[in-house]
């Protein structure tokens, strides 16, 4: 099963990532966003943004298929 890196932007200015096995990027984001699986978040630094947002990202940090949950 493919493994996806999920980027979460929360806590005012903090980025976190986790690894998730799923069939698609959309499924991976939904599993994490809806709290359906337990994950371990790794801090990735800070960035300015306005709201909570989760998306599956590629090795370059870009959204996969443009699918994201939340705002921002």
N, C-alpha and C. Protein backbone atom coordinates (compact mmCIF):
# COMPACT_ATOMS: atom_id res chain seq x y z
N UNK A 1 0.85 -1.18 0.00
CA UNK A 1 0.00 0.00 0.00
C UNK A 1 0.90 1.24 0.00
N UNK A 2 0.56 2.26 -0.78
CA UNK A 2 1.37 3.48 -0.82
C UNK A 2 1.42 4.19 0.53
N UNK A 3 2.52 4.91 0.75
CA UNK A 3 2.69 5.69 1.96
C UNK A 3 2.69 7.17 1.58
N UNK A 4 1.93 7.97 2.32
CA UNK A 4 1.82 9.40 2.05
C UNK A 4 2.31 10.21 3.24
N UNK A 5 2.93 11.33 2.96
CA UNK A 5 3.29 12.28 4.01
C UNK A 5 2.16 13.29 4.12
N UNK A 6 1.65 13.45 5.34
CA UNK A 6 0.56 14.39 5.59
C UNK A 6 1.12 15.61 6.31
N UNK A 7 0.83 16.78 5.78
CA UNK A 7 1.24 18.04 6.38
C UNK A 7 0.06 18.62 7.15
N UNK A 8 0.29 19.00 8.40
CA UNK A 8 -0.74 19.64 9.21
C UNK A 8 -0.22 20.99 9.67
N UNK A 9 -1.02 22.02 9.46
CA UNK A 9 -0.66 23.36 9.91
C UNK A 9 -1.61 23.75 11.03
N UNK A 10 -1.08 23.82 12.25
CA UNK A 10 -1.87 24.12 13.44
C UNK A 10 -1.04 24.93 14.43
N UNK A 11 -1.62 25.20 15.56
CA UNK A 11 -0.91 25.84 16.68
C UNK A 11 -0.29 27.19 16.31
N UNK A 12 -1.04 28.02 15.66
CA UNK A 12 -0.66 29.40 15.33
C UNK A 12 0.33 29.52 14.19
N UNK A 13 1.45 28.82 14.20
CA UNK A 13 2.42 28.94 13.11
C UNK A 13 3.25 27.68 12.93
N UNK A 14 2.80 26.55 13.42
CA UNK A 14 3.63 25.34 13.40
C UNK A 14 3.20 24.35 12.32
N UNK A 15 4.18 23.79 11.62
CA UNK A 15 3.95 22.71 10.65
C UNK A 15 4.37 21.39 11.29
N UNK A 16 3.56 20.36 11.06
CA UNK A 16 3.88 19.01 11.50
C UNK A 16 3.62 18.06 10.34
N UNK A 17 4.36 16.94 10.27
CA UNK A 17 4.08 15.92 9.27
C UNK A 17 3.98 14.56 9.95
N UNK A 18 3.29 13.64 9.26
CA UNK A 18 3.23 12.25 9.68
C UNK A 18 3.17 11.40 8.42
N UNK A 19 3.44 10.11 8.56
CA UNK A 19 3.39 9.17 7.45
C UNK A 19 2.14 8.30 7.61
N UNK A 20 1.42 8.08 6.50
CA UNK A 20 0.18 7.31 6.52
C UNK A 20 0.14 6.37 5.32
N UNK A 21 -0.22 5.11 5.56
CA UNK A 21 -0.44 4.17 4.48
C UNK A 21 -1.91 4.22 4.08
N UNK A 22 -2.17 4.41 2.79
CA UNK A 22 -3.54 4.48 2.26
C UNK A 22 -3.50 4.22 0.77
N UNK A 23 -4.66 3.98 0.19
CA UNK A 23 -4.73 3.73 -1.25
C UNK A 23 -4.55 4.99 -2.08
N UNK A 24 -5.02 6.15 -1.55
CA UNK A 24 -4.93 7.42 -2.27
C UNK A 24 -4.53 8.53 -1.30
N UNK A 25 -4.08 9.65 -1.85
CA UNK A 25 -3.77 10.81 -1.03
C UNK A 25 -5.02 11.31 -0.30
N UNK A 26 -6.15 11.32 -0.99
CA UNK A 26 -7.40 11.76 -0.38
C UNK A 26 -7.76 10.89 0.82
N UNK A 27 -7.63 9.57 0.67
CA UNK A 27 -7.94 8.66 1.78
C UNK A 27 -6.99 8.92 2.96
N UNK A 28 -5.71 9.13 2.67
CA UNK A 28 -4.73 9.38 3.73
C UNK A 28 -5.10 10.63 4.52
N UNK A 29 -5.41 11.72 3.82
CA UNK A 29 -5.79 12.97 4.50
C UNK A 29 -7.06 12.77 5.32
N UNK A 30 -8.06 12.12 4.74
CA UNK A 30 -9.32 11.90 5.46
C UNK A 30 -9.12 11.06 6.72
N UNK A 31 -8.29 10.01 6.65
CA UNK A 31 -8.04 9.17 7.82
C UNK A 31 -7.47 9.99 8.98
N UNK A 32 -6.51 10.85 8.66
CA UNK A 32 -5.88 11.66 9.70
C UNK A 32 -6.81 12.77 10.16
N UNK A 33 -7.40 13.49 9.22
CA UNK A 33 -8.25 14.64 9.55
C UNK A 33 -9.43 14.23 10.44
N UNK A 34 -9.99 13.07 10.18
CA UNK A 34 -11.14 12.60 10.93
C UNK A 34 -10.76 11.80 12.18
N UNK A 35 -9.46 11.68 12.46
CA UNK A 35 -8.99 10.99 13.65
C UNK A 35 -9.25 9.49 13.63
N UNK A 36 -9.29 8.89 12.44
CA UNK A 36 -9.62 7.47 12.32
C UNK A 36 -8.41 6.56 12.53
N UNK A 37 -7.21 7.12 12.51
CA UNK A 37 -6.00 6.36 12.79
C UNK A 37 -5.11 7.16 13.73
N UNK A 38 -4.28 6.46 14.47
CA UNK A 38 -3.33 7.11 15.36
C UNK A 38 -2.05 7.39 14.58
N UNK A 39 -1.54 8.60 14.69
CA UNK A 39 -0.31 8.97 13.99
C UNK A 39 0.64 9.66 14.97
N UNK A 40 1.89 9.71 14.59
CA UNK A 40 2.90 10.44 15.36
C UNK A 40 3.32 11.64 14.53
N UNK A 41 3.09 12.83 15.07
CA UNK A 41 3.42 14.06 14.36
C UNK A 41 4.86 14.45 14.63
N UNK A 42 5.57 14.89 13.58
CA UNK A 42 6.94 15.36 13.69
C UNK A 42 6.97 16.84 13.36
N UNK A 43 7.47 17.69 14.27
CA UNK A 43 7.55 19.12 13.99
C UNK A 43 8.44 19.41 12.78
N UNK A 44 8.01 20.36 11.92
CA UNK A 44 8.75 20.68 10.70
C UNK A 44 9.15 22.14 10.59
N UNK A 45 8.84 22.93 11.59
CA UNK A 45 9.19 24.34 11.51
C UNK A 45 7.95 25.20 11.59
N UNK A 46 8.11 26.46 11.25
CA UNK A 46 7.01 27.41 11.35
C UNK A 46 6.75 28.11 10.03
N UNK A 47 5.51 28.56 9.85
CA UNK A 47 5.08 29.29 8.66
C UNK A 47 3.87 30.11 9.05
N UNK A 48 3.65 31.24 8.40
CA UNK A 48 2.47 32.05 8.69
C UNK A 48 1.27 31.54 7.90
N UNK A 49 0.13 31.41 8.58
CA UNK A 49 -1.11 31.01 7.94
C UNK A 49 -2.25 31.37 8.88
N UNK A 50 -3.50 31.21 8.41
CA UNK A 50 -4.64 31.68 9.17
C UNK A 50 -5.51 30.60 9.79
N UNK A 51 -5.43 29.36 9.35
CA UNK A 51 -6.36 28.35 9.85
C UNK A 51 -5.73 26.96 9.80
N UNK A 52 -6.41 26.00 10.42
CA UNK A 52 -5.94 24.62 10.39
C UNK A 52 -6.12 24.04 9.00
N UNK A 53 -5.12 23.33 8.51
CA UNK A 53 -5.17 22.77 7.16
C UNK A 53 -4.37 21.48 7.15
N UNK A 54 -4.88 20.46 6.46
CA UNK A 54 -4.14 19.22 6.26
C UNK A 54 -4.16 18.86 4.79
N UNK A 55 -3.02 18.36 4.29
CA UNK A 55 -2.93 17.92 2.91
C UNK A 55 -1.86 16.85 2.79
N UNK A 56 -1.97 16.00 1.77
CA UNK A 56 -0.91 15.06 1.45
C UNK A 56 0.09 15.80 0.59
N UNK A 57 1.40 15.63 0.89
CA UNK A 57 2.43 16.35 0.14
C UNK A 57 3.43 15.38 -0.47
N UNK A 58 4.08 15.85 -1.54
CA UNK A 58 5.11 15.05 -2.18
C UNK A 58 6.48 15.39 -1.59
N UNK A 59 7.53 14.83 -2.13
CA UNK A 59 8.89 15.03 -1.61
C UNK A 59 9.34 16.49 -1.67
N UNK A 60 8.70 17.29 -2.53
CA UNK A 60 9.04 18.71 -2.65
C UNK A 60 8.15 19.59 -1.77
N UNK A 61 7.26 18.98 -0.98
CA UNK A 61 6.39 19.75 -0.10
C UNK A 61 5.16 20.30 -0.79
N UNK A 62 4.88 19.86 -2.01
CA UNK A 62 3.72 20.33 -2.77
C UNK A 62 2.53 19.42 -2.53
N UNK A 63 1.31 20.00 -2.53
CA UNK A 63 0.09 19.20 -2.39
C UNK A 63 0.00 18.14 -3.48
N UNK A 64 -0.43 16.94 -3.12
CA UNK A 64 -0.69 15.88 -4.08
C UNK A 64 -2.13 16.00 -4.54
N UNK A 65 -2.35 16.07 -5.83
CA UNK A 65 -3.67 16.16 -6.43
C UNK A 65 -4.47 17.37 -5.98
N UNK A 66 -3.83 18.34 -5.32
CA UNK A 66 -4.53 19.54 -4.87
C UNK A 66 -5.61 19.27 -3.84
N UNK A 67 -5.56 18.10 -3.17
CA UNK A 67 -6.59 17.76 -2.20
C UNK A 67 -6.15 18.17 -0.80
N UNK A 68 -6.97 18.92 -0.12
CA UNK A 68 -6.66 19.34 1.26
C UNK A 68 -7.96 19.41 2.04
N UNK A 69 -7.85 19.33 3.37
CA UNK A 69 -8.99 19.48 4.26
C UNK A 69 -8.73 20.66 5.17
N UNK A 70 -9.77 21.36 5.52
CA UNK A 70 -9.63 22.52 6.39
C UNK A 70 -9.51 23.79 5.58
N UNK A 71 -9.06 24.83 6.25
CA UNK A 71 -8.94 26.14 5.62
C UNK A 71 -7.49 26.54 5.53
N UNK A 72 -7.24 27.57 4.75
CA UNK A 72 -5.89 28.13 4.77
C UNK A 72 -5.26 28.26 3.44
